Amino acid sequence: MATSTPTRSAAGPAAAPSVPSVPVRRHRDRSPRALLSRAGVNGFLIIVAVYTLMPVTWLLFAATKNNGDLFGSPGFQLGDFNLFSNIGAVFQYHDGLYARWLGNSLLYSVVGSLASTFVSLVAGYAFDTYDFPGKEKLFGVVLAGILIPATVVSLPIYLMASRAGLVDTYWAVLIPGMANPFGVYLARVFAEGYLPGEVLEAARMDGAGELRTFRSVSLPMLAPAFITIFLFSFTASWNNFFLPLVMLNNQDLYPVGLGLYQWNVNLAQVPELYHLVITGSLISVVPPAVAFLCLQRFWRSGLTAGAVK
């Protein structure tokens, strides 16, 4: 049977005539004090932006030079524009070893971050939705895990991985990266803001089980949370250095950051690696930048979750 939304009775009091709203223009304060304040804020932001982008700008200029120009010309001066030849040299050195490192970093960052994000989302959803003994104490342990630096637990993780026979394998980097206390915290906050209890209760009353409710109702509503946690995990995994340094001995398994570090260590013995290290560093900046540019709108919407009720 068709249903309709209730409407007001015709016998009720007559509605007051609607008055068209006139948009109110807000005039900026153009007093000298306000102008000086805005100029100071904008000037500070420009200084911060220049300071932040200066290393990347230097990399871009330096990647256009050969080894001679690197030491014989100012840092922020273009060379003979050897950028494309330098990129080709990077990918051809040692039979394309850099390409393998780049692929390893994508494996650790994309696959590892997807797994870490899903685990964090499930854990945060469980903390928000279900009541079980010791729930808040267990969540307190998760919060305490945020305060522990990753380098502190690297040695215990190495010892456990050594006993499990996982050292010098891809799993030695992928499995520890799945534990993300900050992601669990974010997932619980997102679940509190995005998942009304009435929607979950309605799904259960319609006969959906817990897995079906999570897959078909909760997961689509938590899509901004998924993207936000994934970006944090992707950035942390891409910049992860100490754990691969401890876990990996085979250079074929290195991520790009650890590989560039090994090239940098050998600069005294192999000086021709200078332009390869610089160009390789510039290339390694591209994937995280592309990820943020493609997913930033989801990230911004996720960060504002719960700001407006």
C-alpha atoms as a PDB file:
ATOM      1  CA  MET A   1       0.000   0.000   0.000  1.00  0.00           C
ATOM      2  CA  ALA A   2       1.423   3.357  -0.952  1.00  0.00           C
ATOM      3  CA  THR A   3       2.261   5.726   1.856  1.00  0.00           C
ATOM      4  CA  SER A   4       2.517   9.476   1.849  1.00  0.00           C
ATOM      5  CA  THR A   5       3.999  12.049   4.126  1.00  0.00           C
ATOM      6  CA  PRO A   6       1.545  13.963   6.296  1.00  0.00           C
ATOM      7  CA  THR A   7       0.610  17.463   5.209  1.00  0.00           C
ATOM      8  CA  ARG A   8      -1.000  20.412   6.953  1.00  0.00           C
ATOM      9  CA  SER A   9      -4.859  20.505   7.055  1.00  0.00           C
ATOM     10  CA  ALA A  10      -6.551  22.957   4.732  1.00  0.00           C
ATOM     11  CA  ALA A  11      -8.776  24.177   7.610  1.00  0.00           C
ATOM     12  CA  GLY A  12      -5.827  25.329   9.597  1.00  0.00           C
ATOM     13  CA  PRO A  13      -4.734  28.918   9.970  1.00  0.00           C
ATOM     14  CA  ALA A  14      -3.754  30.664   6.765  1.00  0.00           C
ATOM     15  CA  ALA A  15      -0.097  30.716   6.129  1.00  0.00           C
ATOM     16  CA  ALA A  16       1.563  34.088   6.256  1.00  0.00           C
ATOM     17  CA  PRO A  17       2.618  35.435   2.870  1.00  0.00           C
ATOM     18  CA  SER A  18       6.193  34.620   2.139  1.00  0.00           C
ATOM     19  CA  VAL A  19       8.528  37.579   1.971  1.00  0.00           C
ATOM     20  CA  PRO A  20      11.418  37.213  -0.434  1.00  0.00           C
ATOM     21  CA  SER A  21      14.666  37.219   1.409  1.00  0.00           C
ATOM     22  CA  VAL A  22      17.152  39.870   0.455  1.00  0.00           C
ATOM     23  CA  PRO A  23      20.746  38.717   0.467  1.00  0.00           C
ATOM     24  CA  VAL A  24      22.804  40.607   2.969  1.00  0.00           C
ATOM     25  CA  ARG A  25      26.154  41.726   1.716  1.00  0.00           C
ATOM     26  CA  ARG A  26      28.966  41.512   4.164  1.00  0.00           C
ATOM     27  CA  HIS A  27      31.400  44.327   3.780  1.00  0.00           C
ATOM     28  CA  ARG A  28      34.996  43.624   4.575  1.00  0.00           C
ATOM     29  CA  ASP A  29      36.591  45.676   7.221  1.00  0.00           C
ATOM     30  CA  ARG A  30      38.970  47.949   5.317  1.00  0.00           C
ATOM     31  CA  SER A  31      40.396  49.743   8.296  1.00  0.00           C
ATOM     32  CA  PRO A  32      44.195  50.011   8.421  1.00  0.00           C
ATOM     33  CA  ARG A  33      44.326  47.646  11.382  1.00  0.00           C
ATOM     34  CA  ALA A  34      42.304  44.926   9.575  1.00  0.00           C
ATOM     35  CA  LEU A  35      44.358  45.314   6.386  1.00  0.00           C
ATOM     36  CA  LEU A  36      47.582  45.063   8.368  1.00  0.00           C
ATOM     37  CA  SER A  37      46.297  41.947  10.144  1.00  0.00           C
ATOM     38  CA  ARG A  38      45.367  40.219   6.864  1.00  0.00           C
ATOM     39  CA  ALA A  39      48.686  41.198   5.315  1.00  0.00           C
ATOM     40  CA  GLY A  40      50.526  39.714   8.286  1.00  0.00           C
ATOM     41  CA  VAL A  41      48.595  36.443   8.113  1.00  0.00           C
ATOM     42  CA  ASN A  42      49.051  36.140   4.337  1.00  0.00           C
ATOM     43  CA  GLY A  43      52.724  36.983   4.618  1.00  0.00           C
ATOM     44  CA  PHE A  44      53.225  34.303   7.266  1.00  0.00           C
ATOM     45  CA  LEU A  45      51.411  31.720   5.107  1.00  0.00           C
ATOM     46  CA  ILE A  46      53.582  32.636   2.107  1.00  0.00           C
ATOM     47  CA  ILE A  47      56.736  32.181   4.189  1.00  0.00           C
ATOM     48  CA  VAL A  48      55.536  28.767   5.416  1.00  0.00           C
ATOM     49  CA  ALA A  49      54.645  27.705   1.857  1.00  0.00           C
ATOM     50  CA  VAL A  50      58.045  28.781   0.509  1.00  0.00           C
ATOM     51  CA  TYR A  51      59.830  26.999   3.370  1.00  0.00           C
ATOM     52  CA  THR A  52      57.798  23.831   2.748  1.00  0.00           C
ATOM     53  CA  LEU A  53      58.253  23.776  -1.021  1.00  0.00           C
ATOM     54  CA  MET A  54      61.911  24.833  -1.082  1.00  0.00           C
ATOM     55  CA  PRO A  55      63.409  21.294  -0.828  1.00  0.00           C
ATOM     56  CA  VAL A  56      61.158  19.992  -3.618  1.00  0.00           C
ATOM     57  CA  THR A  57      61.975  23.041  -5.750  1.00  0.00           C
ATOM     58  CA  TRP A  58      65.690  22.445  -5.211  1.00  0.00           C
ATOM     59  CA  LEU A  59      65.219  18.803  -6.242  1.00  0.00           C
ATOM     60  CA  LEU A  60      63.458  19.899  -9.422  1.00  0.00           C
ATOM     61  CA  PHE A  61      66.277  22.281 -10.351  1.00  0.00           C
ATOM     62  CA  ALA A  62      69.007  19.803  -9.410  1.00  0.00           C
ATOM     63  CA  ALA A  63      67.416  17.005 -11.446  1.00  0.00           C
ATOM     64  CA  THR A  64      68.072  19.004 -14.634  1.00  0.00           C
ATOM     65  CA  LYS A  65      71.849  18.929 -14.066  1.00  0.00           C
ATOM     66  CA  ASN A  66      74.663  16.473 -14.575  1.00  0.00           C
ATOM     67  CA  ASN A  67      77.292  15.735 -11.946  1.00  0.00           C
ATOM     68  CA  GLY A  68      79.493  18.635 -13.026  1.00  0.00           C
ATOM     69  CA  ASP A  69      76.680  21.189 -12.877  1.00  0.00           C
ATOM     70  CA  LEU A  70      75.576  19.956  -9.463  1.00  0.00           C
ATOM     71  CA  PHE A  71      78.768  21.295  -7.885  1.00  0.00           C
ATOM     72  CA  GLY A  72      79.618  24.034 -10.387  1.00  0.00           C
ATOM     73  CA  SER A  73      76.375  26.063 -10.445  1.00  0.00           C
ATOM     74  CA  PRO A  74      74.027  27.621  -7.880  1.00  0.00           C
ATOM     75  CA  GLY A  75      71.433  25.328  -6.408  1.00  0.00           C
ATOM     76  CA  PHE A  76      68.392  27.197  -7.740  1.00  0.00           C
ATOM     77  CA  GLN A  77      69.645  27.445 -11.298  1.00  0.00           C
ATOM     78  CA  LEU A  78      68.524  25.232 -14.165  1.00  0.00           C
ATOM     79  CA  GLY A  79      71.151  23.062 -15.800  1.00  0.00           C
ATOM     80  CA  ASP A  80      71.238  21.946 -19.435  1.00  0.00           C
ATOM     81  CA  PHE A  81      67.863  20.294 -18.794  1.00  0.00           C
ATOM     82  CA  ASN A  82      69.063  16.718 -18.521  1.00  0.00           C
ATOM     83  CA  LEU A  83      65.909  15.781 -16.599  1.00  0.00           C
ATOM     84  CA  PHE A  84      64.617  13.159 -19.026  1.00  0.00           C
ATOM     85  CA  SER A  85      68.048  11.645 -19.606  1.00  0.00           C
ATOM     86  CA  ASN A  86      68.562  11.527 -15.832  1.00  0.00           C
ATOM     87  CA  ILE A  87      65.212   9.781 -15.385  1.00  0.00           C
ATOM     88  CA  GLY A  88      66.188   7.238 -18.033  1.00  0.00           C
ATOM     89  CA  ALA A  89      69.552   6.684 -16.312  1.00  0.00           C
ATOM     90  CA  VAL A  90      67.803   6.098 -12.972  1.00  0.00           C
ATOM     91  CA  PHE A  91      65.568   3.368 -14.393  1.00  0.00           C
ATOM     92  CA  GLN A  92      68.405   1.753 -16.386  1.00  0.00           C
ATOM     93  CA  TYR A  93      70.964   1.574 -13.573  1.00  0.00           C
ATOM     94  CA  HIS A  94      71.643  -2.011 -12.408  1.00  0.00           C
ATOM     95  CA  ASP A  95      69.074  -3.467 -14.816  1.00  0.00           C
ATOM     96  CA  GLY A  96      66.193  -1.357 -13.550  1.00  0.00           C
ATOM     97  CA  LEU A  97      66.775  -1.829  -9.818  1.00  0.00           C
ATOM     98  CA  TYR A  98      65.103   1.507  -9.051  1.00  0.00           C
ATOM     99  CA  ALA A  99      61.912   0.412 -10.823  1.00  0.00           C
ATOM    100  CA  ARG A 100      61.844  -2.661  -8.586  1.00  0.00           C
ATOM    101  CA  TRP A 101      62.260  -0.483  -5.510  1.00  0.00           C
ATOM    102  CA  LEU A 102      59.423   1.749  -6.703  1.00  0.00           C
ATOM    103  CA  GLY A 103      57.223  -1.300  -7.244  1.00  0.00           C
ATOM    104  CA  ASN A 104      58.083  -2.573  -3.758  1.00  0.00           C
ATOM    105  CA  SER A 105      57.098   0.770  -2.239  1.00  0.00           C
ATOM    106  CA  LEU A 106      53.791   0.681  -4.102  1.00  0.00           C
ATOM    107  CA  LEU A 107      53.215  -2.864  -2.849  1.00  0.00           C
ATOM    108  CA  TYR A 108      53.977  -1.963   0.767  1.00  0.00           C
ATOM    109  CA  SER A 109      52.005   1.291   0.609  1.00  0.00           C
ATOM    110  CA  VAL A 110      48.948   0.339  -1.457  1.00  0.00           C
ATOM    111  CA  VAL A 111      48.354  -3.285  -0.442  1.00  0.00           C
ATOM    112  CA  GLY A 112      49.567  -2.756   3.113  1.00  0.00           C
ATOM    113  CA  SER A 113      47.545   0.429   3.555  1.00  0.00           C
ATOM    114  CA  LEU A 114      44.374  -1.173   2.189  1.00  0.00           C
ATOM    115  CA  ALA A 115      44.727  -4.046   4.647  1.00  0.00           C
ATOM    116  CA  SER A 116      45.606  -1.702   7.521  1.00  0.00           C
ATOM    117  CA  THR A 117      42.665   0.587   6.735  1.00  0.00           C
ATOM    118  CA  PHE A 118      40.190  -2.281   6.595  1.00  0.00           C
ATOM    119  CA  VAL A 119      41.440  -3.714   9.912  1.00  0.00           C
ATOM    120  CA  SER A 120      41.275  -0.273  11.532  1.00  0.00           C
ATOM    121  CA  LEU A 121      37.771   0.316  10.184  1.00  0.00           C
ATOM    122  CA  VAL A 122      36.480  -3.015  11.475  1.00  0.00           C
ATOM    123  CA  ALA A 123      38.069  -2.440  14.896  1.00  0.00           C
ATOM    124  CA  GLY A 124      36.755   1.126  15.179  1.00  0.00           C
ATOM    125  CA  TYR A 125      33.285  -0.012  14.083  1.00  0.00           C
ATOM    126  CA  ALA A 126      33.305  -2.733  16.746  1.00  0.00           C
ATOM    127  CA  PHE A 127      34.391  -0.294  19.464  1.00  0.00           C
ATOM    128  CA  ASP A 128      31.575   2.097  18.536  1.00  0.00           C
ATOM    129  CA  THR A 129      28.758  -0.391  17.877  1.00  0.00           C
ATOM    130  CA  TYR A 130      29.144  -3.235  20.361  1.00  0.00           C
ATOM    131  CA  ASP A 131      29.329  -3.419  24.127  1.00  0.00           C
ATOM    132  CA  PHE A 132      31.640  -6.033  25.624  1.00  0.00           C
ATOM    133  CA  PRO A 133      33.532  -6.434  28.906  1.00  0.00           C
ATOM    134  CA  GLY A 134      36.643  -4.300  29.173  1.00  0.00           C
ATOM    135  CA  LYS A 135      35.751  -2.275  26.083  1.00  0.00           C
ATOM    136  CA  GLU A 136      37.010   1.100  27.298  1.00  0.00           C
ATOM    137  CA  LYS A 137      40.097  -0.383  28.932  1.00  0.00           C
ATOM    138  CA  LEU A 138      41.001  -2.127  25.681  1.00  0.00           C
ATOM    139  CA  PHE A 139      40.449   1.106  23.790  1.00  0.00           C
ATOM    140  CA  GLY A 140      42.744   2.804  26.291  1.00  0.00           C
ATOM    141  CA  VAL A 141      45.439   0.291  25.357  1.00  0.00           C
ATOM    142  CA  VAL A 142      44.897   1.239  21.699  1.00  0.00           C
ATOM    143  CA  LEU A 143      45.298   4.916  22.571  1.00  0.00           C
ATOM    144  CA  ALA A 144      48.478   4.115  24.489  1.00  0.00           C
ATOM    145  CA  GLY A 145      49.810   2.466  21.341  1.00  0.00           C
ATOM    146  CA  ILE A 146      49.608   5.836  19.570  1.00  0.00           C
ATOM    147  CA  LEU A 147      52.101   7.278  22.054  1.00  0.00           C
ATOM    148  CA  ILE A 148      54.741   4.588  21.460  1.00  0.00           C
ATOM    149  CA  PRO A 149      57.246   5.486  18.703  1.00  0.00           C
ATOM    150  CA  ALA A 150      57.541   2.921  15.934  1.00  0.00           C
ATOM    151  CA  THR A 151      61.319   2.661  16.379  1.00  0.00           C
ATOM    152  CA  VAL A 152      60.843   1.440  19.961  1.00  0.00           C
ATOM    153  CA  VAL A 153      58.901  -1.660  18.877  1.00  0.00           C
ATOM    154  CA  SER A 154      61.016  -2.407  15.788  1.00  0.00           C
ATOM    155  CA  LEU A 155      63.445  -4.676  17.666  1.00  0.00           C
ATOM    156  CA  PRO A 156      60.699  -6.788  19.348  1.00  0.00           C
ATOM    157  CA  ILE A 157      58.952  -7.071  15.985  1.00  0.00           C
ATOM    158  CA  TYR A 158      62.215  -8.194  14.389  1.00  0.00           C
ATOM    159  CA  LEU A 159      62.705 -10.884  17.041  1.00  0.00           C
ATOM    160  CA  MET A 160      59.168 -12.192  16.548  1.00  0.00           C
ATOM    161  CA  ALA A 161      59.544 -12.118  12.765  1.00  0.00           C
ATOM    162  CA  SER A 162      62.860 -13.942  13.062  1.00  0.00           C
ATOM    163  CA  ARG A 163      61.299 -16.756  15.082  1.00  0.00           C
ATOM    164  CA  ALA A 164      58.448 -16.971  12.562  1.00  0.00           C
ATOM    165  CA  GLY A 165      60.879 -17.109   9.628  1.00  0.00           C
ATOM    166  CA  LEU A 166      59.565 -13.925   8.045  1.00  0.00           C
ATOM    167  CA  VAL A 167      62.754 -11.837   8.053  1.00  0.00           C
ATOM    168  CA  ASP A 168      63.903 -10.731   4.605  1.00  0.00           C
ATOM    169  CA  THR A 169      60.468 -11.300   3.048  1.00  0.00           C
ATOM    170  CA  TYR A 170      57.663  -8.990   1.968  1.00  0.00           C
ATOM    171  CA  TRP A 171      55.592 -10.156   4.938  1.00  0.00           C
ATOM    172  CA  ALA A 172      58.157  -8.716   7.361  1.00  0.00           C
ATOM    173  CA  VAL A 173      57.077  -5.221   6.300  1.00  0.00           C
ATOM    174  CA  LEU A 174      53.432  -5.859   5.385  1.00  0.00           C
ATOM    175  CA  ILE A 175      52.247  -7.613   8.556  1.00  0.00           C
ATOM    176  CA  PRO A 176      53.558  -5.070  11.139  1.00  0.00           C
ATOM    177  CA  GLY A 177      52.082  -2.248   9.054  1.00  0.00           C
ATOM    178  CA  MET A 178      48.574  -3.651   9.553  1.00  0.00           C
ATOM    179  CA  ALA A 179      48.650  -2.604  13.220  1.00  0.00           C
ATOM    180  CA  ASN A 180      47.571   1.047  13.197  1.00  0.00           C
ATOM    181  CA  PRO A 181      46.336   2.341  16.587  1.00  0.00           C
ATOM    182  CA  PHE A 182      45.768   5.847  15.238  1.00  0.00           C
ATOM    183  CA  GLY A 183      43.655   4.382  12.427  1.00  0.00           C
ATOM    184  CA  VAL A 184      41.509   2.497  14.967  1.00  0.00           C
ATOM    185  CA  TYR A 185      40.994   5.714  16.913  1.00  0.00           C
ATOM    186  CA  LEU A 186      40.003   7.621  13.766  1.00  0.00           C
ATOM    187  CA  ALA A 187      37.671   4.806  12.691  1.00  0.00           C
ATOM    188  CA  ARG A 188      35.800   4.925  16.005  1.00  0.00           C
ATOM    189  CA  VAL A 189      35.453   8.699  15.792  1.00  0.00           C
ATOM    190  CA  PHE A 190      34.157   8.433  12.230  1.00  0.00           C
ATOM    191  CA  ALA A 191      31.724   5.658  13.168  1.00  0.00           C
ATOM    192  CA  GLU A 192      30.291   7.812  15.947  1.00  0.00           C
ATOM    193  CA  GLY A 193      29.740  10.675  13.501  1.00  0.00           C
ATOM    194  CA  TYR A 194      28.608   8.790  10.396  1.00  0.00           C
ATOM    195  CA  LEU A 195      26.578   5.809  11.641  1.00  0.00           C
ATOM    196  CA  PRO A 196      23.222   6.610  13.279  1.00  0.00           C
ATOM    197  CA  GLY A 197      22.140   3.828  15.604  1.00  0.00           C
ATOM    198  CA  GLU A 198      18.646   3.915  14.109  1.00  0.00           C
ATOM    199  CA  VAL A 199      19.969   2.887  10.688  1.00  0.00           C
ATOM    200  CA  LEU A 200      21.812  -0.125  12.101  1.00  0.00           C
ATOM    201  CA  GLU A 201      18.806  -1.134  14.169  1.00  0.00           C
ATOM    202  CA  ALA A 202      16.547  -0.873  11.124  1.00  0.00           C
ATOM    203  CA  ALA A 203      18.886  -3.127   9.138  1.00  0.00           C
ATOM    204  CA  ARG A 204      18.838  -5.722  11.920  1.00  0.00           C
ATOM    205  CA  MET A 205      15.052  -5.579  12.134  1.00  0.00           C
ATOM    206  CA  ASP A 206      14.890  -6.246   8.386  1.00  0.00           C
ATOM    207  CA  GLY A 207      16.742  -9.510   8.978  1.00  0.00           C
ATOM    208  CA  ALA A 208      20.294  -8.504   8.036  1.00  0.00           C
ATOM    209  CA  GLY A 209      23.034 -10.237   9.998  1.00  0.00           C
ATOM    210  CA  GLU A 210      25.972  -8.400  11.505  1.00  0.00           C
ATOM    211  CA  LEU A 211      28.284  -9.066   8.541  1.00  0.00           C
ATOM    212  CA  ARG A 212      25.589  -8.048   6.058  1.00  0.00           C
ATOM    213  CA  THR A 213      24.856  -4.903   8.061  1.00  0.00           C
ATOM    214  CA  PHE A 214      28.518  -3.942   8.075  1.00  0.00           C
ATOM    215  CA  ARG A 215      29.086  -4.740   4.392  1.00  0.00           C
ATOM    216  CA  SER A 216      25.906  -3.270   2.915  1.00  0.00           C
ATOM    217  CA  VAL A 217      25.019  -0.449   5.330  1.00  0.00           C
ATOM    218  CA  SER A 218      27.997   0.636   7.411  1.00  0.00           C
ATOM    219  CA  LEU A 219      30.853   0.314   4.936  1.00  0.00           C
ATOM    220  CA  PRO A 220      29.328   2.586   2.236  1.00  0.00           C
ATOM    221  CA  MET A 221      28.537   5.222   4.870  1.00  0.00           C
ATOM    222  CA  LEU A 222      32.120   5.046   6.130  1.00  0.00           C
ATOM    223  CA  ALA A 223      33.653   5.661   2.683  1.00  0.00           C
ATOM    224  CA  PRO A 224      35.102   9.099   3.644  1.00  0.00           C
ATOM    225  CA  ALA A 225      36.596   7.502   6.749  1.00  0.00           C
ATOM    226  CA  PHE A 226      38.147   4.765   4.613  1.00  0.00           C
ATOM    227  CA  ILE A 227      39.787   7.309   2.288  1.00  0.00           C
ATOM    228  CA  THR A 228      41.080   9.435   5.161  1.00  0.00           C
ATOM    229  CA  ILE A 229      42.624   6.536   7.063  1.00  0.00           C
ATOM    230  CA  PHE A 230      44.032   5.123   3.809  1.00  0.00           C
ATOM    231  CA  LEU A 231      45.812   8.406   3.045  1.00  0.00           C
ATOM    232  CA  PHE A 232      47.365   8.545   6.500  1.00  0.00           C
ATOM    233  CA  SER A 233      48.439   4.900   6.236  1.00  0.00           C
ATOM    234  CA  PHE A 234      49.745   5.348   2.683  1.00  0.00           C
ATOM    235  CA  THR A 235      51.904   8.316   3.675  1.00  0.00           C
ATOM    236  CA  ALA A 236      53.261   6.574   6.765  1.00  0.00           C
ATOM    237  CA  SER A 237      54.029   3.404   4.807  1.00  0.00           C
ATOM    238  CA  TRP A 238      55.672   5.266   1.919  1.00  0.00           C
ATOM    239  CA  ASN A 239      57.928   7.152   4.346  1.00  0.00           C
ATOM    240  CA  ASN A 240      58.636   4.075   6.467  1.00  0.00           C
ATOM    241  CA  PHE A 241      62.388   3.651   6.693  1.00  0.00           C
ATOM    242  CA  PHE A 242      63.529   2.084   9.948  1.00  0.00           C
ATOM    243  CA  LEU A 243      61.402  -1.069   9.825  1.00  0.00           C
ATOM    244  CA  PRO A 244      62.575  -2.091   6.304  1.00  0.00           C
ATOM    245  CA  LEU A 245      66.142  -1.247   7.349  1.00  0.00           C
ATOM    246  CA  VAL A 246      65.862  -3.709  10.244  1.00  0.00           C
ATOM    247  CA  MET A 247      63.895  -6.412   8.443  1.00  0.00           C
ATOM    248  CA  LEU A 248      65.406  -6.564   4.956  1.00  0.00           C
ATOM    249  CA  ASN A 249      68.846  -7.600   3.722  1.00  0.00           C
ATOM    250  CA  ASN A 250      68.015  -8.407   0.113  1.00  0.00           C
ATOM    251  CA  GLN A 251      68.126  -5.198  -1.928  1.00  0.00           C
ATOM    252  CA  ASP A 252      65.533  -6.606  -4.321  1.00  0.00           C
ATOM    253  CA  LEU A 253      62.991  -6.200  -1.494  1.00  0.00           C
ATOM    254  CA  TYR A 254      63.953  -2.630  -0.558  1.00  0.00           C
ATOM    255  CA  PRO A 255      61.403   0.179  -0.750  1.00  0.00           C
ATOM    256  CA  VAL A 256      62.497   3.231  -2.673  1.00  0.00           C
ATOM    257  CA  GLY A 257      63.490   5.239   0.420  1.00  0.00           C
ATOM    258  CA  LEU A 258      65.830   2.536   1.711  1.00  0.00           C
ATOM    259  CA  GLY A 259      67.237   1.982  -1.783  1.00  0.00           C
ATOM    260  CA  LEU A 260      68.073   5.666  -2.198  1.00  0.00           C
ATOM    261  CA  TYR A 261      69.718   5.601   1.218  1.00  0.00           C
ATOM    262  CA  GLN A 262      71.963   2.741   0.094  1.00  0.00           C
ATOM    263  CA  TRP A 263      72.926   4.679  -3.028  1.00  0.00           C
ATOM    264  CA  ASN A 264      73.670   7.724  -0.886  1.00  0.00           C
ATOM    265  CA  VAL A 265      75.927   5.664   1.392  1.00  0.00           C
ATOM    266  CA  ASN A 266      77.972   4.573  -1.630  1.00  0.00           C
ATOM    267  CA  LEU A 267      78.476   8.074  -3.054  1.00  0.00           C
ATOM    268  CA  ALA A 268      82.106   8.239  -1.884  1.00  0.00           C
ATOM    269  CA  GLN A 269      82.967   5.068  -3.837  1.00  0.00           C
ATOM    270  CA  VAL A 270      80.639   5.719  -6.815  1.00  0.00           C
ATOM    271  CA  PRO A 271      80.437   9.504  -7.422  1.00  0.00           C
ATOM    272  CA  GLU A 272      78.320   9.081 -10.569  1.00  0.00           C
ATOM    273  CA  LEU A 273      75.410   8.172  -8.304  1.00  0.00           C
ATOM    274  CA  TYR A 274      74.910  11.811  -7.288  1.00  0.00           C
ATOM    275  CA  HIS A 275      72.507  12.733 -10.054  1.00  0.00           C
ATOM    276  CA  LEU A 276      70.778   9.330  -9.741  1.00  0.00           C
ATOM    277  CA  VAL A 277      70.077   9.889  -6.040  1.00  0.00           C
ATOM    278  CA  ILE A 278      68.689  13.377  -6.684  1.00  0.00           C
ATOM    279  CA  THR A 279      66.535  12.378  -9.657  1.00  0.00           C
ATOM    280  CA  GLY A 280      65.347   9.247  -7.850  1.00  0.00           C
ATOM    281  CA  SER A 281      64.372  11.356  -4.835  1.00  0.00           C
ATOM    282  CA  LEU A 282      62.335  13.637  -7.092  1.00  0.00           C
ATOM    283  CA  ILE A 283      60.531  10.663  -8.647  1.00  0.00           C
ATOM    284  CA  SER A 284      59.769   9.216  -5.221  1.00  0.00           C
ATOM    285  CA  VAL A 285      57.838  12.376  -4.292  1.00  0.00           C
ATOM    286  CA  VAL A 286      55.375  11.922  -7.169  1.00  0.00           C
ATOM    287  CA  PRO A 287      53.201   8.966  -5.964  1.00  0.00           C
ATOM    288  CA  PRO A 288      52.231  10.500  -2.580  1.00  0.00           C
ATOM    289  CA  ALA A 289      51.520  13.836  -4.269  1.00  0.00           C
ATOM    290  CA  VAL A 290      49.309  12.143  -6.873  1.00  0.00           C
ATOM    291  CA  ALA A 291      47.475  10.192  -4.151  1.00  0.00           C
ATOM    292  CA  PHE A 292      46.677  13.367  -2.216  1.00  0.00           C
ATOM    293  CA  LEU A 293      45.631  15.306  -5.317  1.00  0.00           C
ATOM    294  CA  CYS A 294      43.267  12.521  -6.405  1.00  0.00           C
ATOM    295  CA  LEU A 295      41.750  11.836  -2.982  1.00  0.00           C
ATOM    296  CA  GLN A 296      41.928  15.210  -1.251  1.00  0.00           C
ATOM    297  CA  ARG A 297      38.212  15.995  -1.604  1.00  0.00           C
ATOM    298  CA  PHE A 298      37.330  12.777   0.248  1.00  0.00           C
ATOM    299  CA  TRP A 299      39.999  13.564   2.805  1.00  0.00           C
ATOM    300  CA  ARG A 300      38.617  17.061   3.465  1.00  0.00           C
ATOM    301  CA  SER A 301      35.068  15.754   3.830  1.00  0.00           C
ATOM    302  CA  GLY A 302      36.324  13.083   6.200  1.00  0.00           C
ATOM    303  CA  LEU A 303      38.195  15.542   8.411  1.00  0.00           C
ATOM    304  CA  THR A 304      35.011  17.632   8.844  1.00  0.00           C
ATOM    305  CA  ALA A 305      32.943  14.649   9.989  1.00  0.00           C
ATOM    306  CA  GLY A 306      30.888  15.514  13.035  1.00  0.00           C
ATOM    307  CA  ALA A 307      31.751  19.222  12.825  1.00  0.00           C
ATOM    308  CA  VAL A 308      28.137  20.090  11.943  1.00  0.00           C
ATOM    309  CA  LYS A 309      25.179  18.300  13.437  1.00  0.00           C
END
